[in-house]
């Protein structure tokens, strides 16, 4: 397996992880006083929508783009991608969702 497009791998990972990364970043900005807490709390529904959208659509799409760009072609290769990337993505997604809701005063 040879990497066919390094920029495709980076783009795929960017698609998959941009929302979970922002879900970790926004509460940190609020807790450090950089972002206004009330404005962020009023946008919690929008953040929640994008968090669920990333779980259902952006995460799998980004992983697929990264895998395809990395040169994964066989079923065994895709199984390996899913075994490694799936749990890693879900763990980061959950940490981001929990951090976002807890940091903005709306715990699970």
Protein backbone atom coordinates (compact mmCIF):
# COMPACT_ATOMS: atom_id res chain seq x y z
CA UNK A 1 0.00 0.00 0.00
CA UNK A 2 1.53 3.28 -1.11
CA UNK A 3 0.18 6.65 -0.12
CA UNK A 4 -1.31 8.10 -3.27
CA UNK A 5 -2.03 11.60 -2.04
CA UNK A 6 -0.66 13.04 1.18
CA UNK A 7 -2.82 16.13 0.80
CA UNK A 8 -5.87 13.87 0.44
CA UNK A 9 -5.02 12.12 3.71
CA UNK A 10 -4.62 15.47 5.47
CA UNK A 11 -7.86 16.77 3.95
CA UNK A 12 -9.74 13.62 5.00
CA UNK A 13 -8.46 13.85 8.55
CA UNK A 14 -9.33 17.55 8.58
CA UNK A 15 -12.89 16.79 7.47
CA UNK A 16 -13.24 14.11 10.13
CA UNK A 17 -11.65 15.92 13.06
CA UNK A 18 -12.47 19.63 12.62
CA UNK A 19 -15.73 19.52 14.60
CA UNK A 20 -14.39 17.38 17.49
CA UNK A 21 -11.32 19.64 17.68
CA UNK A 22 -13.51 22.73 17.85
CA UNK A 23 -15.67 21.00 20.46
CA UNK A 24 -12.55 20.71 22.60
CA UNK A 25 -11.32 24.22 21.82
CA UNK A 26 -14.49 26.25 22.48
CA UNK A 27 -14.90 25.23 26.16
CA UNK A 28 -11.21 25.94 26.76
CA UNK A 29 -11.64 29.43 25.32
CA UNK A 30 -14.72 30.04 27.49
CA UNK A 31 -13.05 28.77 30.67
CA UNK A 32 -10.01 30.98 30.09
CA UNK A 33 -12.19 34.03 29.48
CA UNK A 34 -11.19 34.47 25.85
CA UNK A 35 -14.64 33.77 24.38
CA UNK A 36 -17.78 35.28 25.94
CA UNK A 37 -19.61 32.58 27.89
CA UNK A 38 -23.14 33.89 27.29
CA UNK A 39 -22.68 34.15 23.53
CA UNK A 40 -21.30 30.62 23.40
CA UNK A 41 -24.16 29.25 25.56
CA UNK A 42 -26.72 30.81 23.25
CA UNK A 43 -25.09 28.98 20.33
CA UNK A 44 -25.06 25.60 22.10
CA UNK A 45 -27.85 24.22 19.88
CA UNK A 46 -25.86 25.08 16.75
CA UNK A 47 -22.74 23.46 18.19
CA UNK A 48 -24.79 20.40 19.14
CA UNK A 49 -26.18 20.10 15.61
CA UNK A 50 -22.70 20.20 14.09
CA UNK A 51 -21.44 17.71 16.67
CA UNK A 52 -24.13 15.19 15.69
CA UNK A 53 -23.58 15.97 12.00
CA UNK A 54 -19.90 15.18 12.38
CA UNK A 55 -20.70 11.85 14.03
CA UNK A 56 -23.17 10.82 11.34
CA UNK A 57 -21.62 12.28 8.21
CA UNK A 58 -18.35 14.21 8.43
CA UNK A 59 -16.41 11.65 10.46
CA UNK A 60 -17.10 8.64 8.22
CA UNK A 61 -16.68 10.76 5.10
CA UNK A 62 -13.33 12.11 6.29
CA UNK A 63 -12.08 8.65 7.25
CA UNK A 64 -13.13 7.33 3.84
CA UNK A 65 -11.33 10.17 2.03
CA UNK A 66 -8.20 9.62 4.11
CA UNK A 67 -8.27 5.87 3.54
CA UNK A 68 -8.82 6.19 -0.19
CA UNK A 69 -6.04 8.76 -0.47
CA UNK A 70 -3.75 6.51 1.55
CA UNK A 71 -4.19 3.79 -1.05
CA UNK A 72 -6.45 1.40 0.85
CA UNK A 73 -8.12 -0.80 -1.76
CA UNK A 74 -8.77 -4.25 -0.27
CA UNK A 75 -11.52 -5.31 2.10
CA UNK A 76 -8.93 -6.34 4.68
CA UNK A 77 -7.31 -2.92 4.40
CA UNK A 78 -10.65 -1.16 4.95
CA UNK A 79 -11.35 -3.43 7.92
CA UNK A 80 -8.01 -2.39 9.40
CA UNK A 81 -8.86 1.29 8.83
CA UNK A 82 -12.23 0.85 10.55
CA UNK A 83 -10.73 -1.07 13.48
CA UNK A 84 -8.12 1.62 14.09
CA UNK A 85 -9.85 4.83 13.02
CA UNK A 86 -13.38 4.06 14.22
CA UNK A 87 -12.69 3.78 17.97
CA UNK A 88 -10.16 6.61 17.85
CA UNK A 89 -12.67 8.90 16.15
CA UNK A 90 -15.48 7.93 18.53
CA UNK A 91 -13.28 8.55 21.58
CA UNK A 92 -12.25 12.01 20.38
CA UNK A 93 -15.83 12.79 19.34
CA UNK A 94 -17.17 11.80 22.76
CA UNK A 95 -14.51 13.81 24.60
CA UNK A 96 -15.35 16.82 22.44
CA UNK A 97 -19.12 16.46 22.96
CA UNK A 98 -18.74 16.01 26.72
CA UNK A 99 -16.30 18.90 26.97
CA UNK A 100 -18.55 21.17 24.92
CA UNK A 101 -21.72 20.45 26.84
CA UNK A 102 -20.05 20.49 30.24
CA UNK A 103 -17.93 23.54 29.54
CA UNK A 104 -20.92 25.57 28.43
CA UNK A 105 -23.03 24.65 31.45
CA UNK A 106 -25.24 22.00 29.87
CA UNK A 107 -23.93 18.64 31.10
CA UNK A 108 -25.24 15.41 29.66
